[in-house]
Amino acid sequence: MFGSIGMPELVIILVIALIIFGPRKLPELGRSLGRSIGEFKRASNELRSTLEEEIRVEDQKSTTAKAAPAADATPGPTPIEPK
């Protein structure tokens, strides 16, 4: 479920949290933890999308830069070769 944390360890952690914070404070603590995790996920997704957008723009720039010299090398008049 949580990697190497088994069910007995999880129960012990929850009992200790209940003793420390009490039954009234525990739901509030859970809500704030959930909000923090949600905000972290939003921020990481925003960072990932920004990085992907920057990579895409750089790829387009490099593709355009490679295509421009090839377009400049248009064939002109061919020189006359001596026989």
C-alpha atoms as a PDB file:
ATOM      1  CA  MET A   1       0.000   0.000   0.000  1.00  0.00           C
ATOM      2  CA  PHE A   2       2.632   2.574   1.029  1.00  0.00           C
ATOM      3  CA  GLY A   3       5.774   0.786  -0.129  1.00  0.00           C
ATOM      4  CA  SER A   4       7.596  -0.742   2.813  1.00  0.00           C
ATOM      5  CA  ILE A   5       5.068   0.510   5.420  1.00  0.00           C
ATOM      6  CA  GLY A   6       2.709  -2.296   6.330  1.00  0.00           C
ATOM      7  CA  MET A   7      -0.698  -2.213   7.953  1.00  0.00           C
ATOM      8  CA  PRO A   8       0.573  -2.640  11.567  1.00  0.00           C
ATOM      9  CA  GLU A   9       3.012   0.258  11.173  1.00  0.00           C
ATOM     10  CA  LEU A  10       0.292   2.438   9.666  1.00  0.00           C
ATOM     11  CA  VAL A  11      -2.060   1.699  12.575  1.00  0.00           C
ATOM     12  CA  ILE A  12       0.659   2.574  15.083  1.00  0.00           C
ATOM     13  CA  ILE A  13       1.351   5.874  13.297  1.00  0.00           C
ATOM     14  CA  LEU A  14      -2.367   6.751  13.273  1.00  0.00           C
ATOM     15  CA  VAL A  15      -2.759   5.910  16.986  1.00  0.00           C
ATOM     16  CA  ILE A  16       0.250   8.071  17.887  1.00  0.00           C
ATOM     17  CA  ALA A  17      -1.140  10.940  15.776  1.00  0.00           C
ATOM     18  CA  LEU A  18      -4.519  10.563  17.509  1.00  0.00           C
ATOM     19  CA  ILE A  19      -2.850  10.712  20.930  1.00  0.00           C
ATOM     20  CA  ILE A  20      -0.691  13.724  20.047  1.00  0.00           C
ATOM     21  CA  PHE A  21      -3.236  15.843  18.166  1.00  0.00           C
ATOM     22  CA  GLY A  22      -6.512  14.607  19.615  1.00  0.00           C
ATOM     23  CA  PRO A  23      -9.726  13.651  17.813  1.00  0.00           C
ATOM     24  CA  ARG A  24     -10.806  17.271  17.178  1.00  0.00           C
ATOM     25  CA  LYS A  25      -7.564  18.461  15.604  1.00  0.00           C
ATOM     26  CA  LEU A  26      -6.906  15.360  13.448  1.00  0.00           C
ATOM     27  CA  PRO A  27      -9.496  16.086  10.688  1.00  0.00           C
ATOM     28  CA  GLU A  28      -8.237  19.660  10.363  1.00  0.00           C
ATOM     29  CA  LEU A  29      -4.673  18.394  10.118  1.00  0.00           C
ATOM     30  CA  GLY A  30      -5.706  15.910   7.416  1.00  0.00           C
ATOM     31  CA  ARG A  31      -7.460  18.629   5.400  1.00  0.00           C
ATOM     32  CA  SER A  32      -4.456  20.940   5.524  1.00  0.00           C
ATOM     33  CA  LEU A  33      -2.161  18.076   4.525  1.00  0.00           C
ATOM     34  CA  GLY A  34      -4.448  17.256   1.589  1.00  0.00           C
ATOM     35  CA  ARG A  35      -4.486  20.886   0.453  1.00  0.00           C
ATOM     36  CA  SER A  36      -0.703  21.060   0.671  1.00  0.00           C
ATOM     37  CA  ILE A  37      -0.307  17.919  -1.421  1.00  0.00           C
ATOM     38  CA  GLY A  38      -2.797  19.248  -3.985  1.00  0.00           C
ATOM     39  CA  GLU A  39      -0.951  22.571  -4.244  1.00  0.00           C
ATOM     40  CA  PHE A  40       2.345  20.745  -4.664  1.00  0.00           C
ATOM     41  CA  LYS A  41       0.889  18.634  -7.489  1.00  0.00           C
ATOM     42  CA  ARG A  42      -0.489  21.725  -9.235  1.00  0.00           C
ATOM     43  CA  ALA A  43       2.850  23.506  -8.987  1.00  0.00           C
ATOM     44  CA  SER A  44       4.793  20.504 -10.272  1.00  0.00           C
ATOM     45  CA  ASN A  45       2.381  20.044 -13.189  1.00  0.00           C
ATOM     46  CA  GLU A  46       2.684  23.742 -14.051  1.00  0.00           C
ATOM     47  CA  LEU A  47       6.471  23.513 -13.952  1.00  0.00           C
ATOM     48  CA  ARG A  48       6.433  20.406 -16.149  1.00  0.00           C
ATOM     49  CA  SER A  49       4.150  22.037 -18.722  1.00  0.00           C
ATOM     50  CA  THR A  50       6.306  25.176 -18.775  1.00  0.00           C
ATOM     51  CA  LEU A  51       9.447  23.130 -19.350  1.00  0.00           C
ATOM     52  CA  GLU A  52       7.791  21.094 -22.114  1.00  0.00           C
ATOM     53  CA  GLU A  53       6.626  24.309 -23.798  1.00  0.00           C
ATOM     54  CA  GLU A  54      10.137  25.784 -23.657  1.00  0.00           C
ATOM     55  CA  ILE A  55      11.615  22.596 -25.116  1.00  0.00           C
ATOM     56  CA  ARG A  56       9.048  22.648 -27.922  1.00  0.00           C
ATOM     57  CA  VAL A  57       9.844  26.290 -28.734  1.00  0.00           C
ATOM     58  CA  GLU A  58      13.589  25.567 -28.791  1.00  0.00           C
ATOM     59  CA  ASP A  59      13.020  22.569 -31.075  1.00  0.00           C
ATOM     60  CA  GLN A  60      11.024  24.745 -33.471  1.00  0.00           C
ATOM     61  CA  LYS A  61      13.765  27.384 -33.452  1.00  0.00           C
ATOM     62  CA  SER A  62      16.462  24.821 -34.217  1.00  0.00           C
ATOM     63  CA  THR A  63      14.345  23.244 -36.974  1.00  0.00           C
ATOM     64  CA  THR A  64      13.758  26.676 -38.519  1.00  0.00           C
ATOM     65  CA  ALA A  65      17.456  27.552 -38.229  1.00  0.00           C
ATOM     66  CA  LYS A  66      18.450  24.317 -39.998  1.00  0.00           C
ATOM     67  CA  ALA A  67      15.915  24.837 -42.782  1.00  0.00           C
ATOM     68  CA  ALA A  68      16.946  28.468 -43.478  1.00  0.00           C
ATOM     69  CA  PRO A  69      20.498  27.736 -44.733  1.00  0.00           C
ATOM     70  CA  ALA A  70      19.180  24.977 -46.979  1.00  0.00           C
ATOM     71  CA  ALA A  71      16.745  27.442 -48.543  1.00  0.00           C
ATOM     72  CA  ASP A  72      19.568  29.953 -49.102  1.00  0.00           C
ATOM     73  CA  ALA A  73      21.541  27.396 -51.105  1.00  0.00           C
ATOM     74  CA  THR A  74      19.235  27.603 -54.094  1.00  0.00           C
ATOM     75  CA  PRO A  75      20.867  26.508 -57.312  1.00  0.00           C
ATOM     76  CA  GLY A  76      21.971  29.403 -59.469  1.00  0.00           C
ATOM     77  CA  PRO A  77      23.258  29.373 -63.020  1.00  0.00           C
ATOM     78  CA  THR A  78      25.624  26.506 -63.626  1.00  0.00           C
ATOM     79  CA  PRO A  79      29.115  27.454 -64.739  1.00  0.00           C
ATOM     80  CA  ILE A  80      30.204  26.320 -68.167  1.00  0.00           C
ATOM     81  CA  GLU A  81      32.845  23.691 -67.895  1.00  0.00           C
ATOM     82  CA  PRO A  82      35.635  23.587 -70.489  1.00  0.00           C
ATOM     83  CA  LYS A  83      35.826  20.470 -72.607  1.00  0.00           C
END
